Amino acid sequence: MSWDCLSVGLLVADHLCTPISHLPRAGELVLADRLELNIGGCASNAAIDLARNDVKVAVVGCVGDDAFGQFIIDTLNRARVDTASIRKLSDIHTSGTLIVNVQGEDRRFIHTIGANGRLRAADVPLDRLRASKVFYVGGYRLMTALEQDRLVELFQQARDWGVQTVLDVVMPGPGEHWSHFERLLPHTDVFLPNNDEAALITGLHDPQQQALRFHEAGVGTVVITCGGDGTYLVKSTERLFAAAHKVNFVGGTGAGDAFDAGYIRGLLEGGDARRCLAWGSALGASCVRSISATESVFTRDEALAFMEANPLDIKRW
């Protein structure tokens, strides 16, 4: 068997509320229209979004042997994602995120790492890696057992086999982070942090400077996403800025993962940097139309129609 993409990383059960008027004060009850349970996590979100776009994808990750872990596996299976390489662990709970949406504000997160903290490079089946076209790792730095040097070995092996390496991150907070990336970046074909994550890693706040710093460190293509402020890309001599699509914004959960999935979709069809940006921006824009991470993401036909009707504004910088 072969796969278009092997998606490795965070598998999460998301607990979300529809937008509320304000954060409750101590002891206060605030009503939401709905409280929902949805799938989350970079690896699972990207996998579902890719499957919706006719990409053959398998997931590698860890969940607990509990109701939330089974919910994640069942949701991925329904989306036609291969879950054979997900490990169920009996001595730890499934990772979860409480996502609080407040009207007119960015979402807030409360997270428990859970089983994601047990994922190791050794959990990635080499036969599946070799049989894939893209090796995507989503949520690096929030998986405490996924060590840089072992991941470097996997990225090196993948590239030796002609598999493209794509990396995205979730940062645990302020601290010294560059040392956790400096040996990995030269083996990364595409790096996809947002500008807040890039600031924590580099100490730089300008997305252009961030992109150049990562590229100088050895990344083939750097893409810094800035939400509604657009996207910056650096690739060899190419410097591109893509404006964000204007859509009805409901919630931002999963938008970065949808962008990743779109960018990978562009890679798989052999697209250049502009085409990959168009795919990423289209899927990212479609995601923010709902509060969940995957519910409103375009299918392939919807994405193609949207891109034709809404050409992405891309400029050189």
Protein backbone atom coordinates (compact mmCIF):
# COMPACT_ATOMS: atom_id res chain seq x y z
CA MET A 1 0.00 0.00 0.00
CA SER A 2 1.00 3.62 -0.45
CA TRP A 3 -0.18 6.93 0.96
CA ASP A 4 -0.11 10.48 -0.30
CA CYS A 5 0.58 11.77 3.21
CA LEU A 6 1.65 10.30 6.54
CA SER A 7 0.32 12.68 9.22
CA VAL A 8 2.12 12.39 12.56
CA GLY A 9 1.49 14.28 15.77
CA LEU A 10 -1.22 15.70 18.00
CA LEU A 11 -4.54 13.86 18.38
CA VAL A 12 -6.94 15.79 20.60
CA ALA A 13 -10.56 15.79 21.74
CA ASP A 14 -11.78 19.39 21.52
CA HIS A 15 -14.48 20.66 23.90
CA LEU A 16 -15.89 23.89 22.49
CA CYS A 17 -18.56 26.47 23.20
CA THR A 18 -20.30 28.60 20.63
CA PRO A 19 -19.31 32.28 21.08
CA ILE A 20 -20.42 33.70 24.44
CA SER A 21 -20.96 37.36 25.28
CA HIS A 22 -18.12 37.57 27.82
CA LEU A 23 -15.91 35.44 30.05
CA PRO A 24 -17.69 34.54 33.29
CA ARG A 25 -16.56 36.16 36.50
CA ALA A 26 -15.88 33.94 39.52
CA GLY A 27 -19.13 32.18 40.37
CA GLU A 28 -20.98 33.57 37.33
CA LEU A 29 -22.96 31.40 34.86
CA VAL A 30 -22.76 32.41 31.18
CA LEU A 31 -24.95 30.62 28.65
CA ALA A 32 -23.76 29.32 25.27
CA ASP A 33 -26.03 28.13 22.47
CA ARG A 34 -24.10 24.84 22.28
CA LEU A 35 -21.28 22.92 23.91
CA GLU A 36 -19.71 20.54 21.41
CA LEU A 37 -17.25 17.66 21.32
CA ASN A 38 -15.14 17.65 18.16
CA ILE A 39 -11.89 16.20 16.96
CA GLY A 40 -8.80 18.39 17.25
CA GLY A 41 -5.02 18.29 17.10
CA CYS A 42 -2.75 19.16 14.18
CA ALA A 43 -2.27 15.63 12.85
CA SER A 44 -5.92 14.61 12.99
CA ASN A 45 -7.26 17.94 11.70
CA ALA A 46 -4.88 18.01 8.75
CA ALA A 47 -5.62 14.36 7.98
CA ILE A 48 -9.38 14.90 7.88
CA ASP A 49 -8.99 18.03 5.75
CA LEU A 50 -6.73 16.15 3.34
CA ALA A 51 -9.15 13.23 3.12
CA ARG A 52 -11.95 15.69 2.26
CA ASN A 53 -9.75 16.75 -0.65
CA ASP A 54 -9.27 13.24 -2.05
CA VAL A 55 -5.86 12.68 -0.47
CA LYS A 56 -4.99 9.19 0.77
CA VAL A 57 -3.71 9.80 4.31
CA ALA A 58 -2.68 7.77 7.36
CA VAL A 59 -2.24 9.03 10.92
CA VAL A 60 0.40 8.16 13.53
CA GLY A 61 -0.22 9.19 17.14
CA CYS A 62 -1.25 8.16 20.64
CA VAL A 63 -4.59 8.23 22.48
CA GLY A 64 -5.75 6.89 25.82
CA ASP A 65 -7.84 3.76 26.13
CA ASP A 66 -10.90 5.82 27.00
CA ALA A 67 -14.07 7.21 25.43
CA PHE A 68 -12.31 10.27 24.01
CA GLY A 69 -9.58 8.17 22.39
CA GLN A 70 -12.19 5.95 20.76
CA PHE A 71 -14.06 9.07 19.63
CA ILE A 72 -10.92 10.31 17.85
CA ILE A 73 -10.33 6.95 16.13
CA ASP A 74 -13.99 6.60 15.09
CA THR A 75 -14.08 10.16 13.73
CA LEU A 76 -10.94 9.58 11.67
CA ASN A 77 -12.27 6.28 10.35
CA ARG A 78 -15.52 7.93 9.25
CA ALA A 79 -13.43 10.50 7.38
CA ARG A 80 -11.63 7.69 5.48
CA VAL A 81 -8.32 8.22 7.30
CA ASP A 82 -6.11 5.18 7.99
CA THR A 83 -5.84 4.79 11.79
CA ALA A 84 -3.89 1.52 11.96
CA SER A 85 -0.80 3.28 13.37
CA ILE A 86 -2.56 4.99 16.29
CA ARG A 87 -1.44 3.56 19.66
CA LYS A 88 -4.00 3.13 22.44
CA LEU A 89 -2.44 3.50 25.89
CA SER A 90 -4.18 2.10 28.98
CA ASP A 91 -2.30 4.08 31.63
CA ILE A 92 -2.90 7.67 30.47
CA HIS A 93 -5.82 9.79 29.28
CA THR A 94 -6.46 11.12 25.79
CA SER A 95 -5.30 14.67 25.17
CA GLY A 96 -8.02 17.32 25.39
CA THR A 97 -8.48 21.03 24.80
CA LEU A 98 -11.16 23.28 26.25
CA ILE A 99 -11.77 26.05 23.69
CA VAL A 100 -13.62 29.13 24.87
CA ASN A 101 -15.00 31.38 22.13
CA VAL A 102 -15.96 34.93 23.10
CA GLN A 103 -17.72 37.23 20.66
CA GLY A 104 -15.28 39.62 19.00
CA GLU A 105 -12.19 38.04 20.59
CA ASP A 106 -9.66 35.39 19.70
CA ARG A 107 -10.34 31.95 21.17
CA ARG A 108 -8.84 30.82 24.48
CA PHE A 109 -7.36 27.37 25.15
CA ILE A 110 -6.98 25.15 28.21
CA HIS A 111 -5.04 22.02 27.26
CA THR A 112 -3.94 18.70 28.75
CA ILE A 113 -1.13 16.90 26.90
CA GLY A 114 -2.16 13.39 27.92
CA ALA A 115 -1.22 10.56 25.57
CA ASN A 116 0.37 12.93 23.05
CA GLY A 117 3.27 13.20 25.48
CA ARG A 118 4.09 9.53 24.82
CA LEU A 119 4.51 9.78 21.02
CA ARG A 120 8.06 8.82 19.99
CA ALA A 121 9.89 8.81 16.69
CA ALA A 122 10.02 5.01 17.01
CA ASP A 123 6.21 4.96 16.67
CA VAL A 124 6.49 6.03 13.01
CA PRO A 125 6.42 2.84 10.88
CA LEU A 126 9.30 3.05 8.41
CA ASP A 127 7.46 0.99 5.81
CA ARG A 128 4.61 3.51 5.85
CA LEU A 129 7.01 6.41 5.75
CA ARG A 130 8.77 4.98 2.70
CA ALA A 131 5.40 4.40 0.99
CA SER A 132 4.30 8.04 1.41
CA LYS A 133 4.82 11.15 -0.69
CA VAL A 134 4.66 13.71 2.13
CA PHE A 135 5.73 13.25 5.77
CA TYR A 136 3.86 15.81 7.90
CA VAL A 137 4.61 16.36 11.58
CA GLY A 138 2.07 18.60 13.29
CA GLY A 139 2.41 19.88 16.84
CA TYR A 140 6.16 19.51 17.35
CA ARG A 141 7.28 20.85 20.78
CA LEU A 142 4.03 19.86 22.50
CA MET A 143 4.94 16.15 22.27
CA THR A 144 7.54 15.87 24.99
CA ALA A 145 8.85 12.40 24.03
CA LEU A 146 9.41 13.35 20.37
CA GLU A 147 13.10 14.23 20.54
CA GLN A 148 14.77 16.43 17.97
CA ASP A 149 17.65 14.10 17.11
CA ARG A 150 15.33 11.12 16.50
CA LEU A 151 13.06 13.30 14.37
CA VAL A 152 16.10 14.49 12.42
CA GLU A 153 16.88 10.86 11.60
CA LEU A 154 13.33 10.33 10.35
CA PHE A 155 13.42 13.49 8.22
CA GLN A 156 16.79 12.46 6.76
CA GLN A 157 15.47 8.99 5.96
CA ALA A 158 12.30 10.41 4.42
CA ARG A 159 14.24 12.72 2.12
CA ASP A 160 16.58 9.90 1.11
CA TRP A 161 13.45 8.03 -0.02
CA GLY A 162 12.14 11.06 -1.92
CA VAL A 163 9.45 11.89 0.66
CA GLN A 164 8.86 15.61 1.26
CA THR A 165 9.12 16.72 4.91
CA VAL A 166 6.61 19.24 6.27
CA LEU A 167 6.77 20.59 9.84
CA ASP A 168 4.33 22.58 11.97
CA VAL A 169 4.54 23.42 15.67
CA VAL A 170 2.54 24.15 18.79
CA MET A 171 4.60 26.14 21.28
CA PRO A 172 4.29 25.37 25.02
CA GLY A 173 4.96 29.01 26.00
CA PRO A 174 7.89 31.41 26.46
CA GLY A 175 11.37 30.01 26.84
CA GLU A 176 14.50 29.08 24.94
CA HIS A 177 13.24 27.22 21.87
CA TRP A 178 15.78 27.73 19.10
CA SER A 179 17.99 24.85 20.26
CA HIS A 180 15.06 22.46 19.71
CA PHE A 181 14.94 23.43 16.02
CA GLU A 182 18.45 24.21 14.82
CA ARG A 183 19.38 20.61 13.89
CA LEU A 184 15.92 19.82 12.45
CA LEU A 185 15.38 22.82 10.18
CA PRO A 186 18.07 21.89 7.59
CA HIS A 187 16.14 18.65 6.94
CA THR A 188 12.75 20.37 6.61
CA ASP A 189 11.36 20.99 3.13
CA VAL A 190 8.42 23.13 4.30
CA PHE A 191 8.04 24.86 7.68
CA LEU A 192 4.61 26.33 8.55
CA PRO A 193 4.56 28.25 11.86
CA ASN A 194 2.28 31.19 12.54
CA ASN A 195 3.86 34.52 13.41
CA ASP A 196 3.27 34.13 17.17
CA GLU A 197 4.97 30.72 17.18
CA ALA A 198 7.80 32.07 15.04
CA ALA A 199 8.29 34.94 17.50
CA LEU A 200 8.69 32.51 20.40
CA ILE A 201 11.28 30.51 18.44
CA THR A 202 13.33 33.36 16.94
CA GLY A 203 12.71 36.32 19.25
CA LEU A 204 11.79 38.30 16.12
CA HIS A 205 8.36 39.85 15.62
CA ASP A 206 8.38 40.89 11.97
CA PRO A 207 7.10 37.95 9.84
CA GLN A 208 9.47 38.78 6.99
CA GLN A 209 12.47 38.66 9.31
CA GLN A 210 11.15 35.44 10.86
CA ALA A 211 10.83 33.78 7.46
CA LEU A 212 14.33 34.84 6.44
CA ARG A 213 15.79 33.59 9.73
CA PHE A 214 14.30 30.12 9.26
CA HIS A 215 15.36 30.01 5.62
CA GLU A 216 18.93 30.96 6.58
CA ALA A 217 18.83 28.07 9.07
CA GLY A 218 18.30 25.64 6.19
CA VAL A 219 14.54 25.30 5.59
CA GLY A 220 13.64 24.86 1.92
CA THR A 221 10.36 26.81 2.05
CA VAL A 222 9.20 28.90 5.01
CA VAL A 223 5.56 29.99 5.30
CA ILE A 224 4.60 32.36 8.12
CA THR A 225 0.83 32.57 8.55
CA CYS A 226 -0.59 35.74 10.13
CA GLY A 227 -4.33 35.01 10.20
CA GLY A 228 -6.35 37.81 8.66
CA ASP A 229 -3.14 39.75 7.96
CA GLY A 230 -2.04 37.29 5.27
CA THR A 231 0.89 34.96 4.72
CA TYR A 232 4.61 35.42 4.01
CA LEU A 233 6.66 32.88 2.05
CA VAL A 234 10.40 32.55 1.47
CA LYS A 235 11.79 29.99 -0.96
CA SER A 236 15.32 30.30 -2.39
CA THR A 237 15.15 33.60 -4.33
CA GLU A 238 11.34 33.82 -4.07
CA ARG A 239 9.66 36.20 -1.61
CA LEU A 240 5.85 36.22 -1.67
CA PHE A 241 3.04 37.80 0.33
CA ALA A 242 -0.52 36.45 0.04
CA ALA A 243 -3.46 38.47 1.34
CA ALA A 244 -6.13 36.66 3.36
CA HIS A 245 -9.50 35.82 1.84
CA LYS A 246 -12.47 37.74 3.27
CA VAL A 247 -15.04 35.26 4.64
CA ASN A 248 -17.60 35.19 7.44
CA PHE A 249 -15.51 34.53 10.55
CA VAL A 250 -17.11 32.32 13.22
CA GLY A 251 -14.08 30.71 14.91
CA GLY A 252 -10.37 30.25 14.24
CA THR A 253 -9.91 26.74 15.65
CA GLY A 254 -8.13 24.50 13.14
CA ALA A 255 -7.49 27.24 10.57
CA GLY A 256 -3.72 26.74 10.66
CA ASP A 257 -4.11 22.99 10.25
CA ALA A 258 -6.48 23.56 7.32
CA PHE A 259 -3.87 25.84 5.75
CA ASP A 260 -1.28 23.07 6.21
CA ALA A 261 -3.58 20.55 4.54
CA GLY A 262 -4.19 22.89 1.63
CA TYR A 263 -0.49 23.59 1.19
CA ILE A 264 0.21 19.84 1.19
CA ARG A 265 -2.59 19.36 -1.37
CA GLY A 266 -0.78 21.84 -3.56
CA LEU A 267 2.51 19.98 -3.15
CA LEU A 268 0.87 16.69 -4.07
CA GLU A 269 -0.48 18.08 -7.33
CA GLY A 270 3.00 19.40 -8.18
CA GLY A 271 2.05 23.04 -7.69
CA ASP A 272 4.55 25.88 -7.38
CA ALA A 273 4.69 28.18 -4.35
CA ARG A 274 1.83 30.35 -5.61
CA ARG A 275 -0.42 27.36 -6.20
CA CYS A 276 0.39 25.91 -2.76
CA LEU A 277 -0.42 29.28 -1.16
CA ALA A 278 -3.72 29.37 -3.05
CA TRP A 279 -4.67 25.91 -1.78
CA GLY A 280 -3.61 26.69 1.78
CA SER A 281 -5.40 30.03 1.88
CA ALA A 282 -8.61 28.56 0.46
CA LEU A 283 -8.83 25.72 2.98
CA GLY A 284 -7.78 27.98 5.84
CA ALA A 285 -10.48 30.50 4.95
CA SER A 286 -13.13 27.80 4.71
CA CYS A 287 -12.27 26.53 8.21
CA VAL A 288 -13.10 29.76 10.07
CA ARG A 289 -16.76 29.59 9.03
CA SER A 290 -17.52 27.29 12.00
CA ILE A 291 -16.29 26.88 15.58
CA SER A 292 -14.92 23.37 15.02
CA ALA A 293 -11.58 22.48 13.47
CA THR A 294 -12.83 20.56 10.42
CA GLU A 295 -16.60 20.92 9.98
CA SER A 296 -16.63 23.68 7.34
CA VAL A 297 -13.39 22.88 5.47
CA PHE A 298 -13.85 22.71 1.69
CA THR A 299 -13.97 19.49 -0.26
CA ARG A 300 -11.78 19.32 -3.36
CA ASP A 301 -14.55 20.46 -5.71
CA GLU A 302 -15.56 23.27 -3.36
CA ALA A 303 -11.94 24.42 -3.02
CA LEU A 304 -11.37 24.43 -6.77
CA ALA A 305 -14.56 26.43 -7.35
CA PHE A 306 -13.63 28.90 -4.60
CA MET A 307 -10.11 29.43 -5.96
CA GLU A 308 -11.44 30.01 -9.48
CA ALA A 309 -14.00 32.53 -8.24
CA ASN A 310 -11.64 34.21 -5.74
CA PRO A 311 -8.09 34.46 -7.15
CA LEU A 312 -5.63 34.93 -4.31
CA ASP A 313 -3.86 38.31 -4.22
CA ILE A 314 -0.16 37.39 -4.21
CA LYS A 315 2.66 39.92 -4.46
CA ARG A 316 6.44 39.82 -4.31
CA TRP A 317 8.22 41.53 -1.43
